[in-house]
């Protein structure tokens, strides 16, 4: 199955290309940590794992969700599938 998004590490930062919209997204290291940790976890679990405040993490998650990079189902956050290149 071909993924709708491609990801790569360039100059130490994750860059994601949404092929459907031809949009590039560049993640700072903190956002990348949050995104990579979204494996069906709750906000509270993320806060415990990453050591951030729930309010700050919620803001990051909302931004990632707006870009289609995470989804929330039954209060559990999951990262979108990407093909690494």
N, C-alpha and C. Protein backbone atom coordinates (compact mmCIF):
# COMPACT_ATOMS: atom_id res chain seq x y z
N UNK A 1 0.84 -1.18 0.00
CA UNK A 1 0.00 0.00 0.00
C UNK A 1 0.88 1.24 0.00
N UNK A 2 0.60 2.18 -0.87
CA UNK A 2 1.36 3.41 -0.95
C UNK A 2 0.82 4.42 0.05
N UNK A 3 1.72 4.95 0.87
CA UNK A 3 1.32 5.93 1.88
C UNK A 3 1.07 7.29 1.24
N UNK A 4 0.16 8.04 1.84
CA UNK A 4 -0.19 9.37 1.34
C UNK A 4 0.86 10.41 1.72
N UNK A 5 1.75 10.04 2.68
CA UNK A 5 2.77 10.97 3.14
C UNK A 5 4.14 10.32 3.10
N UNK A 6 5.12 11.12 2.74
CA UNK A 6 6.52 10.69 2.76
C UNK A 6 7.23 11.47 3.85
N UNK A 7 8.15 10.83 4.54
CA UNK A 7 8.92 11.50 5.58
C UNK A 7 10.40 11.24 5.37
N UNK A 8 11.20 12.22 5.73
CA UNK A 8 12.65 12.09 5.64
C UNK A 8 13.27 12.96 6.72
N UNK A 9 14.50 12.64 7.06
CA UNK A 9 15.26 13.47 7.99
C UNK A 9 16.25 14.26 7.16
N UNK A 10 16.13 15.58 7.23
CA UNK A 10 17.03 16.49 6.51
C UNK A 10 17.64 17.45 7.51
N UNK A 11 18.95 17.51 7.52
CA UNK A 11 19.66 18.37 8.46
C UNK A 11 19.18 18.17 9.90
N UNK A 12 18.88 16.91 10.25
CA UNK A 12 18.50 16.59 11.61
C UNK A 12 17.05 16.85 11.96
N UNK A 13 16.24 17.29 11.02
CA UNK A 13 14.83 17.54 11.29
C UNK A 13 13.96 16.70 10.38
N UNK A 14 12.80 16.31 10.91
CA UNK A 14 11.86 15.52 10.12
C UNK A 14 11.08 16.45 9.20
N UNK A 15 11.02 16.07 7.93
CA UNK A 15 10.23 16.77 6.93
C UNK A 15 9.21 15.77 6.40
N UNK A 16 7.94 16.18 6.36
CA UNK A 16 6.88 15.31 5.87
C UNK A 16 6.26 15.97 4.64
N UNK A 17 6.10 15.18 3.58
CA UNK A 17 5.44 15.65 2.37
C UNK A 17 4.08 14.97 2.28
N UNK A 18 3.03 15.77 2.23
CA UNK A 18 1.69 15.25 1.98
C UNK A 18 1.52 15.24 0.47
N UNK A 19 1.51 14.06 -0.12
CA UNK A 19 1.48 13.96 -1.58
C UNK A 19 0.18 14.48 -2.17
N UNK A 20 -0.92 14.35 -1.44
CA UNK A 20 -2.21 14.80 -1.97
C UNK A 20 -2.28 16.31 -2.13
N UNK A 21 -1.65 17.04 -1.21
CA UNK A 21 -1.72 18.50 -1.25
C UNK A 21 -0.41 19.14 -1.68
N UNK A 22 0.64 18.33 -1.86
CA UNK A 22 1.98 18.81 -2.19
C UNK A 22 2.48 19.79 -1.14
N UNK A 23 2.11 19.54 0.11
CA UNK A 23 2.50 20.42 1.21
C UNK A 23 3.63 19.78 2.01
N UNK A 24 4.65 20.57 2.31
CA UNK A 24 5.77 20.14 3.14
C UNK A 24 5.56 20.62 4.56
N UNK A 25 5.86 19.75 5.52
CA UNK A 25 5.77 20.13 6.93
C UNK A 25 7.10 19.83 7.59
N UNK A 26 7.65 20.79 8.27
CA UNK A 26 8.92 20.65 8.97
C UNK A 26 8.63 20.61 10.46
N UNK A 27 9.16 19.60 11.15
CA UNK A 27 8.92 19.45 12.58
C UNK A 27 10.14 19.85 13.38
N UNK A 28 9.92 20.64 14.42
CA UNK A 28 10.99 20.91 15.36
C UNK A 28 11.17 19.66 16.23
N UNK A 29 12.28 19.55 16.95
CA UNK A 29 12.54 18.32 17.71
C UNK A 29 11.45 17.96 18.73
N UNK A 30 10.87 18.94 19.41
CA UNK A 30 9.83 18.65 20.40
C UNK A 30 8.58 18.11 19.72
N UNK A 31 8.18 18.71 18.61
CA UNK A 31 7.01 18.24 17.89
C UNK A 31 7.24 16.83 17.36
N UNK A 32 8.45 16.57 16.89
CA UNK A 32 8.78 15.23 16.40
C UNK A 32 8.65 14.20 17.52
N UNK A 33 9.13 14.53 18.71
CA UNK A 33 9.02 13.60 19.85
C UNK A 33 7.57 13.28 20.15
N UNK A 34 6.71 14.30 20.12
CA UNK A 34 5.29 14.09 20.39
C UNK A 34 4.70 13.20 19.30
N UNK A 35 4.97 13.53 18.04
CA UNK A 35 4.43 12.79 16.90
C UNK A 35 4.86 11.32 16.95
N UNK A 36 6.14 11.07 17.19
CA UNK A 36 6.64 9.69 17.23
C UNK A 36 6.08 8.91 18.42
N UNK A 37 5.66 9.61 19.46
CA UNK A 37 5.13 8.95 20.66
C UNK A 37 3.65 8.63 20.54
N UNK A 38 2.99 9.11 19.51
CA UNK A 38 1.55 8.89 19.34
C UNK A 38 1.29 7.48 18.79
N UNK A 39 1.18 6.55 19.71
CA UNK A 39 0.95 5.16 19.33
C UNK A 39 -0.25 4.60 20.07
N UNK A 40 -1.34 5.36 20.05
CA UNK A 40 -2.54 4.94 20.75
C UNK A 40 -2.51 5.32 22.22
N UNK A 41 -1.87 6.41 22.55
CA UNK A 41 -1.73 6.86 23.93
C UNK A 41 -2.66 8.03 24.23
N UNK A 42 -2.96 8.20 25.51
CA UNK A 42 -3.77 9.34 25.94
C UNK A 42 -2.87 10.55 26.16
N UNK A 43 -3.48 11.69 26.29
CA UNK A 43 -2.73 12.92 26.58
C UNK A 43 -1.97 12.78 27.90
N UNK A 44 -2.61 12.19 28.89
CA UNK A 44 -1.98 12.02 30.19
C UNK A 44 -0.76 11.09 30.09
N UNK A 45 -0.89 10.03 29.29
CA UNK A 45 0.24 9.12 29.10
C UNK A 45 1.39 9.82 28.39
N UNK A 46 1.06 10.66 27.41
CA UNK A 46 2.11 11.43 26.73
C UNK A 46 2.81 12.36 27.70
N UNK A 47 2.04 13.04 28.54
CA UNK A 47 2.62 13.97 29.50
C UNK A 47 3.57 13.24 30.45
N UNK A 48 3.19 12.04 30.87
CA UNK A 48 4.05 11.25 31.76
C UNK A 48 5.31 10.80 31.02
N UNK A 49 5.14 10.31 29.80
CA UNK A 49 6.27 9.79 29.02
C UNK A 49 7.25 10.89 28.62
N UNK A 50 6.71 12.03 28.17
CA UNK A 50 7.57 13.09 27.63
C UNK A 50 7.92 14.16 28.64
N UNK A 51 7.22 14.19 29.76
CA UNK A 51 7.54 15.16 30.79
C UNK A 51 7.04 16.56 30.51
N UNK A 52 6.12 16.73 29.58
CA UNK A 52 5.58 18.06 29.30
C UNK A 52 4.26 18.28 30.00
N UNK A 53 3.82 19.52 29.98
CA UNK A 53 2.52 19.82 30.58
C UNK A 53 1.42 19.39 29.62
N UNK A 54 0.31 18.90 30.15
CA UNK A 54 -0.80 18.51 29.28
C UNK A 54 -1.28 19.64 28.37
N UNK A 55 -1.28 20.86 28.86
CA UNK A 55 -1.75 21.99 28.04
C UNK A 55 -0.83 22.22 26.84
N UNK A 56 0.48 22.18 27.05
CA UNK A 56 1.43 22.35 25.96
C UNK A 56 1.33 21.20 24.96
N UNK A 57 1.22 20.00 25.46
CA UNK A 57 1.11 18.84 24.59
C UNK A 57 -0.19 18.87 23.79
N UNK A 58 -1.28 19.31 24.43
CA UNK A 58 -2.57 19.41 23.72
C UNK A 58 -2.45 20.37 22.56
N UNK A 59 -1.75 21.47 22.76
CA UNK A 59 -1.56 22.45 21.68
C UNK A 59 -0.76 21.84 20.53
N UNK A 60 0.29 21.11 20.86
CA UNK A 60 1.10 20.44 19.83
C UNK A 60 0.26 19.41 19.09
N UNK A 61 -0.51 18.63 19.82
CA UNK A 61 -1.36 17.61 19.20
C UNK A 61 -2.40 18.23 18.28
N UNK A 62 -2.98 19.34 18.69
CA UNK A 62 -3.96 20.02 17.84
C UNK A 62 -3.32 20.49 16.54
N UNK A 63 -2.10 21.00 16.62
CA UNK A 63 -1.39 21.42 15.41
C UNK A 63 -1.09 20.25 14.50
N UNK A 64 -0.64 19.14 15.09
CA UNK A 64 -0.37 17.94 14.30
C UNK A 64 -1.66 17.40 13.68
N UNK A 65 -2.75 17.44 14.42
CA UNK A 65 -4.03 16.96 13.91
C UNK A 65 -4.52 17.83 12.75
N UNK A 66 -4.31 19.13 12.86
CA UNK A 66 -4.71 20.05 11.78
C UNK A 66 -3.96 19.74 10.49
N UNK A 67 -2.74 19.21 10.61
CA UNK A 67 -1.94 18.85 9.44
C UNK A 67 -2.20 17.41 8.99
N UNK A 68 -3.05 16.70 9.72
CA UNK A 68 -3.35 15.31 9.37
C UNK A 68 -2.29 14.33 9.79
N UNK A 69 -1.42 14.73 10.72
CA UNK A 69 -0.31 13.87 11.13
C UNK A 69 -0.63 13.01 12.35
N UNK A 70 -1.71 13.33 13.05
CA UNK A 70 -2.19 12.50 14.15
C UNK A 70 -3.72 12.50 14.13
N UNK A 71 -4.29 11.48 14.71
CA UNK A 71 -5.74 11.41 14.90
C UNK A 71 -6.01 11.01 16.34
N UNK A 72 -7.19 11.36 16.80
CA UNK A 72 -7.61 11.00 18.15
C UNK A 72 -8.91 10.20 18.06
N UNK A 73 -8.90 9.04 18.68
CA UNK A 73 -10.08 8.18 18.70
C UNK A 73 -10.23 7.66 20.12
N UNK A 74 -11.36 7.97 20.76
CA UNK A 74 -11.61 7.57 22.14
C UNK A 74 -10.49 8.06 23.07
N UNK A 75 -10.10 9.32 22.88
CA UNK A 75 -9.06 9.97 23.70
C UNK A 75 -7.67 9.35 23.56
N UNK A 76 -7.44 8.60 22.49
CA UNK A 76 -6.13 8.01 22.24
C UNK A 76 -5.57 8.55 20.93
N UNK A 77 -4.35 9.04 21.00
CA UNK A 77 -3.69 9.68 19.87
C UNK A 77 -2.83 8.69 19.10
N UNK A 78 -2.98 8.71 17.78
CA UNK A 78 -2.20 7.83 16.92
C UNK A 78 -1.61 8.64 15.76
N UNK A 79 -0.35 8.40 15.47
CA UNK A 79 0.32 9.09 14.36
C UNK A 79 -0.10 8.52 13.03
N UNK A 80 -0.15 9.40 12.03
CA UNK A 80 -0.46 8.98 10.67
C UNK A 80 0.68 8.12 10.13
N UNK A 81 0.33 7.20 9.27
CA UNK A 81 1.35 6.37 8.63
C UNK A 81 2.09 7.18 7.58
N UNK A 82 3.37 6.97 7.54
CA UNK A 82 4.21 7.63 6.54
C UNK A 82 5.15 6.60 5.94
N UNK A 83 5.63 6.88 4.77
CA UNK A 83 6.68 6.08 4.14
C UNK A 83 7.98 6.87 4.31
N UNK A 84 8.95 6.27 4.97
CA UNK A 84 10.24 6.94 5.17
C UNK A 84 11.09 6.78 3.92
N UNK A 85 11.68 7.88 3.49
CA UNK A 85 12.54 7.87 2.32
C UNK A 85 13.92 8.39 2.67
